[in-house]
N, C-alpha and C. Protein backbone atom coordinates (compact mmCIF):
# COMPACT_ATOMS: atom_id res chain seq x y z
N MET A 1 -2.17 6.63 15.87
CA MET A 1 -2.04 5.49 15.15
C MET A 1 -0.37 4.87 15.98
N LEU A 2 -1.01 3.95 15.42
CA LEU A 2 0.13 3.04 16.33
C LEU A 2 1.27 3.40 15.42
N GLY A 3 1.17 3.47 14.05
CA GLY A 3 2.97 3.76 13.50
C GLY A 3 2.72 1.90 12.58
N GLY A 4 3.73 3.22 11.27
CA GLY A 4 3.91 2.86 9.82
C GLY A 4 2.74 3.83 8.91
N THR A 5 3.08 3.53 7.59
CA THR A 5 2.82 4.50 6.08
C THR A 5 3.04 3.28 5.84
N ILE A 6 2.24 3.44 4.74
CA ILE A 6 1.31 2.88 3.99
C ILE A 6 1.37 3.50 2.43
N SER A 7 0.80 3.60 1.29
CA SER A 7 0.22 4.29 -0.07
C SER A 7 -1.42 3.35 0.12
N VAL A 8 -1.96 4.71 -0.40
CA VAL A 8 -2.94 3.56 -1.42
C VAL A 8 -2.75 2.46 -2.26
N GLN A 9 -1.81 2.81 -2.82
CA GLN A 9 -1.18 2.17 -3.26
C GLN A 9 -1.66 0.59 -2.94
N VAL A 10 -0.76 0.96 -1.51
CA VAL A 10 -0.75 -0.86 -0.91
C VAL A 10 -1.82 -1.13 -0.65
N LEU A 11 -2.69 -0.19 -0.22
CA LEU A 11 -5.01 -0.77 0.46
C LEU A 11 -5.21 -1.09 -0.95
N ASN A 12 -5.27 -0.55 -2.25
CA ASN A 12 -5.47 -1.05 -3.38
C ASN A 12 -4.92 -2.48 -3.48
N GLU A 13 -3.99 -2.77 -3.29
CA GLU A 13 -3.16 -4.35 -3.46
C GLU A 13 -3.77 -5.40 -2.90
N ILE A 14 -3.14 -4.50 -1.11
CA ILE A 14 -5.04 -5.98 -0.71
C ILE A 14 -5.99 -6.11 -0.97
N ALA A 15 -7.07 -4.85 -0.88
CA ALA A 15 -7.96 -5.34 -1.48
C ALA A 15 -8.47 -6.40 -2.31
N ASN A 16 -7.22 -6.20 -3.87
CA ASN A 16 -7.22 -7.04 -5.10
C ASN A 16 -6.95 -8.26 -4.58
N VAL A 17 -6.53 -8.93 -3.47
CA VAL A 17 -5.43 -9.94 -3.12
C VAL A 17 -6.35 -10.52 -1.70
N LEU A 18 -7.28 -9.89 -1.51
CA LEU A 18 -8.45 -10.42 -0.38
C LEU A 18 -9.20 -10.65 -1.35
N ARG A 19 -10.00 -10.35 -1.98
CA ARG A 19 -11.34 -10.30 -3.58
C ARG A 19 -10.89 -11.28 -3.85
N ARG A 20 -10.17 -11.67 -4.77
CA ARG A 20 -9.68 -11.95 -6.28
C ARG A 20 -8.92 -13.49 -5.59
N LYS A 21 -7.82 -13.15 -4.92
CA LYS A 21 -6.79 -14.64 -4.11
C LYS A 21 -7.65 -15.67 -3.06
N MET A 22 -7.76 -14.87 -1.93
CA MET A 22 -9.31 -15.36 -0.89
C MET A 22 -10.00 -15.12 -1.04
N GLN A 23 -10.77 -14.58 -1.74
CA GLN A 23 -12.68 -14.00 -2.56
C GLN A 23 -13.22 -14.11 -0.88
N MET A 24 -12.05 -13.61 -0.34
CA MET A 24 -13.30 -12.18 0.72
C MET A 24 -14.78 -11.20 0.43
N SER A 25 -15.27 -11.23 0.89
CA SER A 25 -16.87 -10.94 0.18
C SER A 25 -15.88 -9.25 0.82
N TRP A 26 -17.34 -8.35 -0.20
CA TRP A 26 -16.93 -7.16 0.03
C TRP A 26 -16.62 -6.46 1.13
N PRO A 27 -18.21 -6.89 2.38
CA PRO A 27 -18.01 -6.63 4.07
C PRO A 27 -16.81 -6.63 4.74
N ASP A 28 -16.50 -7.65 4.37
CA ASP A 28 -15.58 -8.52 5.08
C ASP A 28 -14.07 -7.60 4.90
N THR A 29 -13.47 -7.18 3.51
CA THR A 29 -12.54 -6.44 2.32
C THR A 29 -12.44 -5.03 2.87
N HIS A 30 -14.05 -4.79 2.96
CA HIS A 30 -13.73 -2.96 3.72
C HIS A 30 -13.63 -3.26 5.26
N LEU A 31 -13.89 -3.96 5.94
CA LEU A 31 -13.76 -3.95 7.71
C LEU A 31 -11.85 -4.14 7.96
N PHE A 32 -11.75 -5.42 6.65
CA PHE A 32 -10.01 -5.41 6.91
C PHE A 32 -9.22 -3.91 6.80
N LEU A 33 -9.77 -3.54 5.11
CA LEU A 33 -8.61 -2.33 5.41
C LEU A 33 -9.75 -1.32 5.78
N ASP A 34 -10.36 -1.01 7.04
CA ASP A 34 -10.68 -0.30 8.21
C ASP A 34 -10.32 -0.38 8.79
N MET A 35 -9.41 -1.64 9.19
CA MET A 35 -8.76 -2.20 10.67
C MET A 35 -6.86 -2.12 10.12
N ILE A 36 -6.99 -2.05 8.88
CA ILE A 36 -5.68 -1.62 8.60
C ILE A 36 -5.21 0.56 8.40
N ARG A 37 -6.40 0.72 8.40
CA ARG A 37 -6.43 1.93 8.30
C ARG A 37 -6.30 2.74 9.45
N ALA A 38 -7.25 2.48 10.18
CA ALA A 38 -7.09 2.27 12.39
C ALA A 38 -5.36 2.58 12.03
N LEU A 39 -4.68 1.43 12.02
CA LEU A 39 -3.19 1.18 12.59
C LEU A 39 -2.00 1.46 11.79
N LEU A 40 -2.87 2.78 10.39
CA LEU A 40 -1.25 2.48 9.91
C LEU A 40 -1.16 4.18 9.23
N THR A 41 -0.98 4.99 8.86
CA THR A 41 -0.55 6.27 8.50
C THR A 41 -1.02 5.77 6.82
N VAL A 42 -1.80 6.25 6.12
CA VAL A 42 -2.59 6.00 4.45
C VAL A 42 -1.60 7.63 4.26
N GLU A 43 -0.79 7.59 3.02
CA GLU A 43 -0.31 8.27 2.05
C GLU A 43 -0.95 8.11 0.65
N PRO A 44 -0.84 9.50 -0.10
CA PRO A 44 -0.59 9.11 -1.12
C PRO A 44 0.71 9.10 -2.00
N VAL A 45 0.69 8.20 -3.57
CA VAL A 45 1.74 8.15 -4.01
C VAL A 45 1.70 9.04 -5.07
N THR A 46 2.65 9.75 -4.78
CA THR A 46 2.46 11.25 -5.55
C THR A 46 4.38 10.93 -6.61
N VAL A 47 4.15 12.12 -7.90
CA VAL A 47 5.85 11.93 -7.78
C VAL A 47 7.20 12.71 -7.20
N ALA A 48 6.47 13.06 -6.33
CA ALA A 48 7.16 13.89 -4.96
C ALA A 48 8.08 12.76 -4.80
N THR A 49 7.03 11.73 -3.81
CA THR A 49 6.81 10.11 -3.53
C THR A 49 7.57 8.91 -4.05
N HIS A 50 7.17 9.21 -5.41
CA HIS A 50 8.42 8.24 -5.44
C HIS A 50 10.05 8.75 -6.13
N GLU A 51 10.36 10.23 -6.20
CA GLU A 51 12.03 10.46 -6.51
C GLU A 51 12.46 10.14 -4.96
N MET A 52 11.57 10.85 -4.09
CA MET A 52 11.86 9.97 -2.81
C MET A 52 13.02 8.75 -2.65
N GLY A 53 11.95 8.07 -2.91
CA GLY A 53 12.23 6.46 -3.26
C GLY A 53 13.29 5.90 -4.06
N GLN A 54 13.75 6.45 -4.91
CA GLN A 54 14.53 6.35 -6.04
C GLN A 54 16.16 5.85 -5.41
N PRO A 55 17.16 7.61 -4.42
CA PRO A 55 17.59 7.01 -3.65
C PRO A 55 18.20 5.42 -3.38
N SER A 56 16.55 5.02 -2.61
CA SER A 56 17.30 3.58 -1.96
C SER A 56 16.73 2.86 -2.88
N GLN A 57 16.01 2.53 -4.17
CA GLN A 57 15.80 1.50 -5.05
C GLN A 57 17.36 1.59 -5.60
N SER A 58 18.29 2.90 -6.00
CA SER A 58 19.82 2.97 -6.72
C SER A 58 19.77 1.78 -5.76
N ALA A 59 20.63 2.25 -4.12
CA ALA A 59 21.35 1.73 -3.21
C ALA A 59 20.53 -0.17 -3.26
N THR A 60 19.84 -0.33 -3.15
CA THR A 60 19.12 -1.57 -2.87
C THR A 60 19.28 -2.48 -3.81
N GLY A 61 19.24 -1.97 -4.92
CA GLY A 61 18.77 -2.26 -6.49
C GLY A 61 17.50 -3.24 -6.28
N PHE A 62 16.78 -2.78 -5.78
CA PHE A 62 15.56 -2.84 -6.21
C PHE A 62 14.88 -2.36 -7.19
N PRO A 63 14.20 -3.25 -8.24
CA PRO A 63 13.83 -2.20 -9.21
C PRO A 63 12.75 -1.24 -9.62
N SER A 64 12.76 -0.06 -9.84
CA SER A 64 11.20 1.06 -10.22
C SER A 64 10.81 -0.34 -10.85
N MET A 65 9.58 0.70 -9.85
CA MET A 65 7.94 0.39 -10.60
C MET A 65 7.50 1.28 -12.17
N MET A 66 8.04 2.27 -11.84
CA MET A 66 7.78 3.75 -13.57
C MET A 66 8.72 3.71 -14.40
N ARG A 67 9.85 2.36 -14.67
CA ARG A 67 10.39 2.60 -15.68
C ARG A 67 9.96 2.44 -16.75
């Protein structure tokens, strides 16, 4: 891996934008997602992940999506 970590949720959001907003074909969408997965570590979103982010959200004022 070259560096960086994203969640499966981010992959889903990327796929949604590529398909709906950019009108990319499924084969091209899969190719793009394969490249992202080759460059970054993909982690599941768990309750533990959410809880780890709470102090950061409080400090930065970034709203929690889980409220």
